[in-house]
Amino acid sequence: MTQPFPFSAIVGQDEMKLAMILTAIDPKIGGVLVFGDRGTGKSTAVRALAALLPPIQAVEGCPTNAATLKETPDWAVLGSKKIVTKPTPVIDLPLGATEDRVVGALDIERALTQGEKAFEPGLLARANRGYLYIDEVNLLEDHIVDLLLDVAQSGENVVEREGLSIRHPARFVLVGSGNPEEGELRPQLLDRFGLSVEVASPKDIDHRIEVIQRRDAYESDNAKFMRRWKGEDTKLRNRIIAAKEALTGLKTPKLILRDCAELCVALGSDGLRGELTLLRAARALAAFEKADKVDRAHLRRVAAPALRHRLRRDPLDEAGSTVRVGRVVDEVLG
């Protein structure tokens, strides 16, 4: 089986790559929404992220990736009680997935063959402690969107159907990608993404040539190409692990908290999710860059992805959301 394209080998798209790195450092940021043209590496980046992420410790065979036996659901059938190291799960949620496939349902095979009323876990169980990826997220059916909103809010999947009453943890980082030409995202789901990034086809000829060369090398001699980039991915993974450990000791000056609040008020951001996301993203960036405290430079770099999708529409301002955020950042931070 061909391994995913190396994360470090992706040419350009720096904002998208940084957003994904920050959510790996601090999953509480709340996920990434990637909007842009077709063929700009959105899906490639998500697949690459799966190979880059640090592994997790989990009970062998647990359908919800429980870290300890105590956290394993009562309905889970385990073949082993060992704690093993496994890759961080990155689960695809296809557009045509049924509700049963997403949340789980009665295990029909066991019901027919053994006469037992057992639960068959869905995609939300498998994504626990990992990532849930939705390609063309703006085309997702409304009832599935409603399910995701409920679970994203509570961190728990509740299934009440066919005589079953099941609860299990479902804490995951939501990653969505889409093409804005194919429709907008519902505001309720849009607000659930911590960061929003925009990608576009490169205009520079040398840049495009480099993309072609790397993709061709990946497909024509995969083993050699993977060896070439393995070291870079390992370095990046180690930086992510070090940043996760450094988060708890990172200092956040009160001035930075005031800056976060002033930026969101100036932009008219509803609620307090904008401030919290901006702060968490800035802290993760500071940890990634081995700084001992968060400063305004960190806020500047994460302001656009943290806030551009939280702006109210202004019919009198034709500037794009990124321009509007940048303008306010300059006014507030100087």
Protein backbone atom coordinates (compact mmCIF):
# COMPACT_ATOMS: atom_id res chain seq x y z
CA MET A 1 0.00 0.00 0.00
CA THR A 2 1.40 3.42 -1.02
CA GLN A 3 2.12 5.69 1.93
CA PRO A 4 0.55 9.17 2.06
CA PHE A 5 2.46 12.04 0.49
CA PRO A 6 4.91 13.44 3.10
CA PHE A 7 3.63 16.52 4.90
CA SER A 8 7.02 18.24 4.70
CA ALA A 9 7.14 17.73 0.92
CA ILE A 10 4.02 19.80 0.24
CA VAL A 11 5.07 22.88 -1.70
CA GLY A 12 3.72 26.22 -0.46
CA GLN A 13 0.26 26.42 1.18
CA ASP A 14 2.03 27.58 4.34
CA GLU A 15 -1.10 28.88 6.08
CA MET A 16 -2.90 25.57 5.61
CA LYS A 17 0.06 23.54 6.87
CA LEU A 18 0.55 25.80 9.89
CA ALA A 19 -3.14 25.57 10.81
CA MET A 20 -2.97 21.77 10.78
CA ILE A 21 0.22 21.79 12.86
CA LEU A 22 -1.39 24.08 15.45
CA THR A 23 -4.40 21.78 15.86
CA ALA A 24 -2.02 18.86 16.32
CA ILE A 25 -0.30 20.79 19.13
CA ASP A 26 -3.58 21.83 20.77
CA PRO A 27 -6.71 19.94 19.60
CA LYS A 28 -8.86 22.35 21.68
CA ILE A 29 -8.35 24.94 18.93
CA GLY A 30 -11.25 23.19 17.26
CA GLY A 31 -10.28 21.98 13.82
CA VAL A 32 -9.50 23.41 10.40
CA LEU A 33 -11.67 24.43 7.47
CA VAL A 34 -9.83 24.56 4.13
CA PHE A 35 -11.57 26.31 1.26
CA GLY A 36 -10.10 26.75 -2.19
CA ASP A 37 -9.73 25.64 -5.78
CA ARG A 38 -9.71 22.00 -6.84
CA GLY A 39 -6.28 20.41 -7.08
CA THR A 40 -4.57 22.66 -4.54
CA GLY A 41 -3.49 19.91 -2.13
CA LYS A 42 -6.35 20.07 0.40
CA SER A 43 -6.93 16.31 0.59
CA THR A 44 -3.21 15.58 0.19
CA ALA A 45 -2.41 17.67 3.25
CA VAL A 46 -4.97 15.84 5.40
CA ARG A 47 -3.67 12.40 4.33
CA ALA A 48 -0.11 13.60 4.99
CA LEU A 49 -1.11 14.83 8.44
CA ALA A 50 -2.17 11.30 9.40
CA ALA A 51 1.36 9.99 8.86
CA LEU A 52 2.90 12.98 10.62
CA LEU A 53 0.90 12.98 13.86
CA PRO A 54 2.43 11.53 17.02
CA PRO A 55 1.04 8.07 17.95
CA ILE A 56 -1.37 7.54 20.85
CA GLN A 57 -1.56 4.95 23.64
CA ALA A 58 -4.83 2.97 23.49
CA VAL A 59 -6.41 -0.30 24.62
CA GLU A 60 -5.83 -2.89 21.91
CA GLY A 61 -9.00 -3.45 19.86
CA CYS A 62 -11.03 -0.74 21.62
CA PRO A 63 -13.44 0.80 19.07
CA THR A 64 -13.22 4.24 20.74
CA ASN A 65 -9.42 4.28 21.18
CA ALA A 66 -9.74 4.40 24.99
CA ALA A 67 -6.47 5.27 26.74
CA THR A 68 -7.15 2.92 29.70
CA LEU A 69 -9.28 -0.13 30.44
CA LYS A 70 -11.36 2.01 32.82
CA GLU A 71 -12.35 4.27 29.91
CA THR A 72 -13.35 1.37 27.66
CA PRO A 73 -17.14 1.33 27.00
CA ASP A 74 -19.16 -1.50 28.58
CA TRP A 75 -20.45 -2.60 25.16
CA ALA A 76 -16.96 -2.95 23.62
CA VAL A 77 -15.84 -6.52 22.90
CA LEU A 78 -12.08 -6.71 23.45
CA GLY A 79 -9.80 -9.45 22.29
CA SER A 80 -7.01 -8.13 24.50
CA LYS A 81 -6.49 -5.90 27.51
CA LYS A 82 -3.06 -4.67 26.47
CA ILE A 83 -2.19 -0.99 26.05
CA VAL A 84 -0.61 -0.52 22.65
CA THR A 85 0.82 2.31 20.60
CA LYS A 86 -1.16 3.10 17.46
CA PRO A 87 -1.30 5.91 14.88
CA THR A 88 -3.52 8.87 15.66
CA PRO A 89 -6.79 8.02 13.87
CA VAL A 90 -7.78 10.11 10.85
CA ILE A 91 -11.25 8.99 9.74
CA ASP A 92 -12.99 9.96 6.48
CA LEU A 93 -16.68 10.87 6.62
CA PRO A 94 -17.96 10.37 3.06
CA LEU A 95 -20.75 12.62 1.77
CA GLY A 96 -23.12 9.71 1.22
CA ALA A 97 -22.69 8.20 4.69
CA THR A 98 -25.93 7.22 6.42
CA GLU A 99 -26.78 8.25 9.96
CA ASP A 100 -26.24 4.66 11.16
CA ARG A 101 -22.79 4.65 9.59
CA VAL A 102 -21.87 7.89 11.34
CA VAL A 103 -23.23 7.38 14.87
CA GLY A 104 -23.48 3.57 15.01
CA ALA A 105 -26.43 1.18 15.17
CA LEU A 106 -27.62 -2.30 16.12
CA ASP A 107 -25.18 -5.03 15.07
CA ILE A 108 -27.52 -6.97 12.76
CA GLU A 109 -25.15 -9.92 12.28
CA ARG A 110 -24.85 -10.62 16.01
CA ALA A 111 -28.57 -10.10 16.46
CA LEU A 112 -29.37 -12.72 13.80
CA THR A 113 -26.66 -15.28 14.53
CA GLN A 114 -26.39 -15.03 18.32
CA GLY A 115 -29.67 -13.41 19.31
CA GLU A 116 -27.77 -10.62 21.10
CA LYS A 117 -28.68 -6.95 21.06
CA ALA A 118 -25.22 -5.44 20.50
CA PHE A 119 -23.93 -2.07 19.32
CA GLU A 120 -21.93 -1.64 16.13
CA PRO A 121 -19.88 1.57 16.51
CA GLY A 122 -19.81 4.16 13.75
CA LEU A 123 -17.31 6.65 12.38
CA LEU A 124 -17.62 8.96 15.40
CA ALA A 125 -16.37 6.20 17.71
CA ARG A 126 -13.38 5.46 15.48
CA ALA A 127 -12.49 9.17 15.27
CA ASN A 128 -12.33 9.61 19.07
CA ARG A 129 -8.94 11.08 20.10
CA GLY A 130 -8.15 11.73 16.46
CA TYR A 131 -9.34 13.57 13.38
CA LEU A 132 -12.60 13.42 11.43
CA TYR A 133 -12.11 14.54 7.83
CA ILE A 134 -14.95 15.66 5.55
CA ASP A 135 -14.16 16.41 1.93
CA GLU A 136 -16.64 18.79 0.25
CA VAL A 137 -17.98 19.63 3.70
CA ASN A 138 -20.25 22.34 2.25
CA LEU A 139 -22.23 19.61 0.45
CA LEU A 140 -22.89 17.59 3.62
CA GLU A 141 -26.56 16.73 4.24
CA ASP A 142 -28.32 18.85 6.85
CA HIS A 143 -29.25 16.00 9.20
CA ILE A 144 -25.62 14.83 9.33
CA VAL A 145 -24.54 18.41 10.02
CA ASP A 146 -26.98 18.53 12.94
CA LEU A 147 -25.51 15.31 14.34
CA LEU A 148 -21.98 16.68 14.10
CA LEU A 149 -22.99 19.92 15.81
CA ASP A 150 -24.46 18.01 18.77
CA VAL A 151 -21.42 15.77 19.17
CA ALA A 152 -18.92 18.60 18.66
CA GLN A 153 -20.65 20.55 21.43
CA SER A 154 -20.80 17.73 23.98
CA GLY A 155 -17.81 15.56 23.05
CA GLU A 156 -20.11 12.56 23.45
CA ASN A 157 -22.11 10.47 20.99
CA VAL A 158 -25.54 9.39 22.25
CA VAL A 159 -27.44 6.66 20.39
CA GLU A 160 -31.04 5.94 21.36
CA ARG A 161 -32.63 3.59 18.83
CA GLU A 162 -33.78 0.01 18.23
CA GLY A 163 -33.85 -0.66 21.97
CA LEU A 164 -30.25 0.51 22.40
CA SER A 165 -29.13 3.25 24.77
CA ILE A 166 -25.46 3.91 24.15
CA ARG A 167 -23.08 6.71 25.11
CA HIS A 168 -19.42 6.94 24.24
CA PRO A 169 -16.78 9.71 24.03
CA ALA A 170 -16.37 11.31 20.61
CA ARG A 171 -13.74 14.03 20.93
CA PHE A 172 -12.07 14.69 17.63
CA VAL A 173 -10.56 17.48 15.57
CA LEU A 174 -12.84 18.31 12.67
CA VAL A 175 -11.11 18.97 9.34
CA GLY A 176 -13.22 20.00 6.39
CA SER A 177 -12.35 20.98 2.85
CA GLY A 178 -14.44 22.36 0.04
CA ASN A 179 -14.75 24.52 -3.02
CA PRO A 180 -16.65 27.78 -2.36
CA GLU A 181 -18.10 27.67 -5.88
CA GLU A 182 -20.17 24.64 -4.86
CA GLY A 183 -22.04 26.30 -2.02
CA GLU A 184 -21.57 27.93 1.37
CA LEU A 185 -21.31 26.23 4.72
CA ARG A 186 -24.10 26.51 7.28
CA PRO A 187 -23.18 29.21 9.85
CA GLN A 188 -23.72 26.82 12.77
CA LEU A 189 -21.12 24.37 11.42
CA LEU A 190 -18.80 27.11 10.18
CA ASP A 191 -18.50 28.44 13.74
CA ARG A 192 -17.41 25.00 14.99
CA PHE A 193 -14.17 25.16 13.04
CA GLY A 194 -11.41 26.82 15.02
CA LEU A 195 -9.34 27.92 12.04
CA SER A 196 -10.29 28.70 8.46
CA VAL A 197 -7.71 28.88 5.68
CA GLU A 198 -7.92 29.75 2.02
CA VAL A 199 -5.80 28.00 -0.61
CA ALA A 200 -5.31 28.90 -4.25
CA SER A 201 -3.47 27.57 -7.28
CA PRO A 202 0.09 28.93 -7.41
CA LYS A 203 0.74 31.59 -10.05
CA ASP A 204 4.54 31.37 -10.02
CA ILE A 205 5.87 29.09 -12.78
CA ASP A 206 8.85 27.80 -10.75
CA HIS A 207 6.51 27.03 -7.87
CA ARG A 208 4.22 25.00 -10.14
CA ILE A 209 7.19 23.14 -11.63
CA GLU A 210 8.37 22.15 -8.15
CA VAL A 211 4.90 20.78 -7.34
CA ILE A 212 4.92 18.70 -10.54
CA GLN A 213 8.43 17.37 -9.92
CA ARG A 214 7.69 16.27 -6.38
CA ARG A 215 4.40 14.62 -7.29
CA ASP A 216 6.03 12.83 -10.21
CA ALA A 217 8.86 11.60 -7.99
CA TYR A 218 6.34 10.39 -5.41
CA GLU A 219 4.45 8.36 -8.01
CA SER A 220 7.38 7.04 -10.08
CA ASP A 221 9.72 5.95 -7.24
CA ASN A 222 7.69 6.04 -4.04
CA ALA A 223 10.21 4.27 -1.80
CA LYS A 224 13.05 6.63 -2.70
CA PHE A 225 10.86 9.71 -2.35
CA MET A 226 9.59 8.62 1.08
CA ARG A 227 13.16 8.02 2.29
CA ARG A 228 14.11 11.48 1.05
CA TRP A 229 11.43 13.18 3.20
CA LYS A 230 11.26 10.84 6.19
CA GLY A 231 13.82 12.84 8.13
CA GLU A 232 11.98 16.14 7.60
CA ASP A 233 8.69 14.64 8.75
CA THR A 234 10.40 13.15 11.82
CA LYS A 235 11.86 16.53 12.76
CA LEU A 236 8.46 18.16 12.39
CA ARG A 237 6.77 15.44 14.48
CA ASN A 238 9.35 15.95 17.24
CA ARG A 239 8.71 19.71 17.19
CA ILE A 240 4.98 19.05 17.57
CA ILE A 241 5.57 16.71 20.53
CA ALA A 242 7.89 19.24 22.19
CA ALA A 243 5.36 22.03 21.64
CA LYS A 244 2.55 19.97 23.21
CA GLU A 245 4.71 19.50 26.31
CA ALA A 246 5.68 23.18 26.43
CA LEU A 247 2.09 24.48 26.31
CA THR A 248 1.44 24.10 30.04
CA GLY A 249 4.43 26.23 31.02
CA LEU A 250 3.87 28.98 28.47
CA LYS A 251 3.21 32.47 29.82
CA THR A 252 0.34 34.58 28.49
CA PRO A 253 0.63 38.29 29.43
CA LYS A 254 -2.61 40.06 30.33
CA LEU A 255 -1.96 42.49 27.46
CA ILE A 256 -2.41 39.60 25.01
CA LEU A 257 -5.79 38.74 26.54
CA ARG A 258 -6.87 42.37 26.11
CA ASP A 259 -5.62 42.33 22.50
CA CYS A 260 -7.71 39.22 21.77
CA ALA A 261 -10.84 40.84 23.18
CA GLU A 262 -10.27 44.16 21.40
CA LEU A 263 -9.70 42.45 18.06
CA CYS A 264 -12.93 40.45 18.32
CA VAL A 265 -14.98 43.45 19.45
CA ALA A 266 -13.59 45.59 16.63
CA LEU A 267 -14.45 42.88 14.09
CA GLY A 268 -17.95 42.33 15.50
CA SER A 269 -17.33 38.65 16.21
CA ASP A 270 -20.33 37.02 17.94
CA GLY A 271 -19.80 35.20 21.22
CA LEU A 272 -16.45 34.45 22.83
CA ARG A 273 -15.34 31.53 20.66
CA GLY A 274 -13.22 33.90 18.55
CA GLU A 275 -11.17 35.11 21.53
CA LEU A 276 -10.61 31.60 22.84
CA THR A 277 -9.57 30.25 19.45
CA LEU A 278 -7.27 33.21 18.81
CA LEU A 279 -5.59 32.76 22.18
CA ARG A 280 -5.17 28.99 21.83
CA ALA A 281 -3.79 29.29 18.31
CA ALA A 282 -1.32 32.00 19.38
CA ARG A 283 -0.21 29.88 22.35
CA ALA A 284 0.28 26.83 20.13
CA LEU A 285 2.32 28.90 17.67
CA ALA A 286 4.47 30.31 20.48
CA ALA A 287 5.11 26.79 21.78
CA PHE A 288 5.94 25.55 18.27
CA GLU A 289 8.48 28.36 17.88
CA LYS A 290 9.97 27.64 21.34
CA ALA A 291 9.03 31.05 22.74
CA ASP A 292 8.63 31.41 26.50
CA LYS A 293 5.55 33.65 26.20
CA VAL A 294 2.88 34.72 23.71
CA ASP A 295 3.42 38.10 22.05
CA ARG A 296 1.69 40.28 19.47
CA ALA A 297 3.67 38.77 16.60
CA HIS A 298 2.01 35.42 17.33
CA LEU A 299 -1.44 37.06 17.38
CA ARG A 300 -0.78 38.73 14.03
CA ARG A 301 0.06 35.42 12.35
CA VAL A 302 -3.01 33.55 13.56
CA ALA A 303 -5.58 36.37 13.50
CA ALA A 304 -6.78 35.79 9.93
CA PRO A 305 -7.32 32.00 10.17
CA ALA A 306 -8.88 32.32 13.63
CA LEU A 307 -11.29 35.15 12.80
CA ARG A 308 -11.98 35.47 9.05
CA HIS A 309 -14.89 33.01 9.12
CA ARG A 310 -16.52 34.68 12.15
CA LEU A 311 -17.15 38.07 10.55
CA ARG A 312 -20.64 39.42 10.01
CA ARG A 313 -21.50 40.29 6.43
CA ASP A 314 -21.08 43.98 5.68
CA PRO A 315 -22.83 45.02 2.44
CA LEU A 316 -21.03 48.37 2.55
CA ASP A 317 -17.56 46.79 2.70
CA GLU A 318 -16.58 44.94 -0.45
CA ALA A 319 -13.17 43.92 0.90
CA GLY A 320 -12.66 40.21 1.53
CA SER A 321 -12.65 38.79 5.05
CA THR A 322 -8.85 38.43 5.10
CA VAL A 323 -8.40 42.10 4.18
CA ARG A 324 -10.91 43.17 6.84
CA VAL A 325 -9.11 41.16 9.55
CA GLY A 326 -5.73 42.53 8.49
CA ARG A 327 -7.04 46.09 8.58
CA VAL A 328 -8.39 45.70 12.11
CA VAL A 329 -5.22 43.94 13.30
CA ASP A 330 -3.18 46.93 12.12
CA GLU A 331 -5.55 49.35 13.86
CA VAL A 332 -5.63 47.48 17.20
CA LEU A 333 -2.07 46.17 17.42
CA GLY A 334 -0.40 49.10 15.65
